[in-house]
Protein backbone atom coordinates (compact mmCIF):
# COMPACT_ATOMS: atom_id res chain seq x y z
CA UNK A 1 13.52 20.66 12.62
CA UNK A 2 10.76 18.45 14.00
CA UNK A 3 11.20 14.77 13.22
CA UNK A 4 7.79 13.14 12.77
CA UNK A 5 8.66 9.68 11.39
CA UNK A 6 11.66 7.33 11.23
CA UNK A 7 12.11 4.21 9.10
CA UNK A 8 14.98 1.71 9.23
CA UNK A 9 16.12 -0.76 6.58
CA UNK A 10 18.73 -3.31 7.57
CA UNK A 11 21.46 -4.62 5.32
CA UNK A 12 20.67 -7.58 3.10
CA UNK A 13 22.77 -10.56 2.07
CA UNK A 14 24.43 -8.85 -0.90
CA UNK A 15 26.13 -5.49 -1.08
CA UNK A 16 23.25 -3.62 0.59
CA UNK A 17 23.91 -1.02 3.27
CA UNK A 18 21.74 -0.23 6.26
CA UNK A 19 19.76 2.98 6.07
CA UNK A 20 17.61 5.23 8.21
CA UNK A 21 15.08 7.58 6.61
CA UNK A 22 13.70 10.45 8.66
CA UNK A 23 10.63 12.51 7.83
CA UNK A 24 10.57 16.01 9.26
CA UNK A 25 8.45 19.14 9.12
CA UNK A 26 9.85 22.02 7.06
CA UNK A 27 7.43 24.54 8.54
CA UNK A 28 7.81 24.33 12.30
CA UNK A 29 5.32 27.15 12.93
CA UNK A 30 2.29 25.25 11.68
CA UNK A 31 -0.93 26.70 10.45
CA UNK A 32 -3.89 24.38 10.59
CA UNK A 33 -3.90 21.64 7.95
CA UNK A 34 -0.79 22.95 6.18
CA UNK A 35 2.19 20.65 6.79
CA UNK A 36 5.26 20.60 4.54
CA UNK A 37 7.21 17.36 4.99
CA UNK A 38 10.71 16.53 3.79
CA UNK A 39 12.72 13.32 3.87
CA UNK A 40 16.40 12.63 4.47
CA UNK A 41 18.12 9.27 4.06
CA UNK A 42 21.24 8.25 5.97
CA UNK A 43 23.23 5.23 4.76
CA UNK A 44 25.55 3.23 6.99
CA UNK A 45 28.08 0.45 6.31
CA UNK A 46 26.77 -3.07 6.62
CA UNK A 47 28.30 -3.90 10.03
CA UNK A 48 27.32 -0.65 11.78
CA UNK A 49 24.94 -1.02 14.73
CA UNK A 50 22.25 1.54 13.91
CA UNK A 51 19.64 0.30 16.40
CA UNK A 52 20.55 2.79 19.20
CA UNK A 53 20.35 5.71 16.75
CA UNK A 54 17.06 4.44 15.32
CA UNK A 55 15.59 4.05 18.82
CA UNK A 56 16.63 7.59 19.78
CA UNK A 57 15.20 9.14 16.60
CA UNK A 58 11.98 7.14 16.98
CA UNK A 59 11.54 8.51 20.51
CA UNK A 60 12.00 12.05 19.19
CA UNK A 61 9.43 11.45 16.47
CA UNK A 62 6.98 10.04 19.02
CA UNK A 63 7.30 13.10 21.28
CA UNK A 64 7.05 15.53 18.36
CA UNK A 65 3.67 14.15 17.29
């Protein structure tokens, strides 16, 4: 799985949770101009520190592109 994008949403004032959404390539062996992308969302409790995980995944996405 090649992660190509990562997005983070922090918890709000209400009952919101924090979440990280990753975008990854389904077809690792790419042919020109034929990418198949999928998304996966991870939700975390409000007080969880997700910044280290987000930073790590963002570095992976940067190196994969």
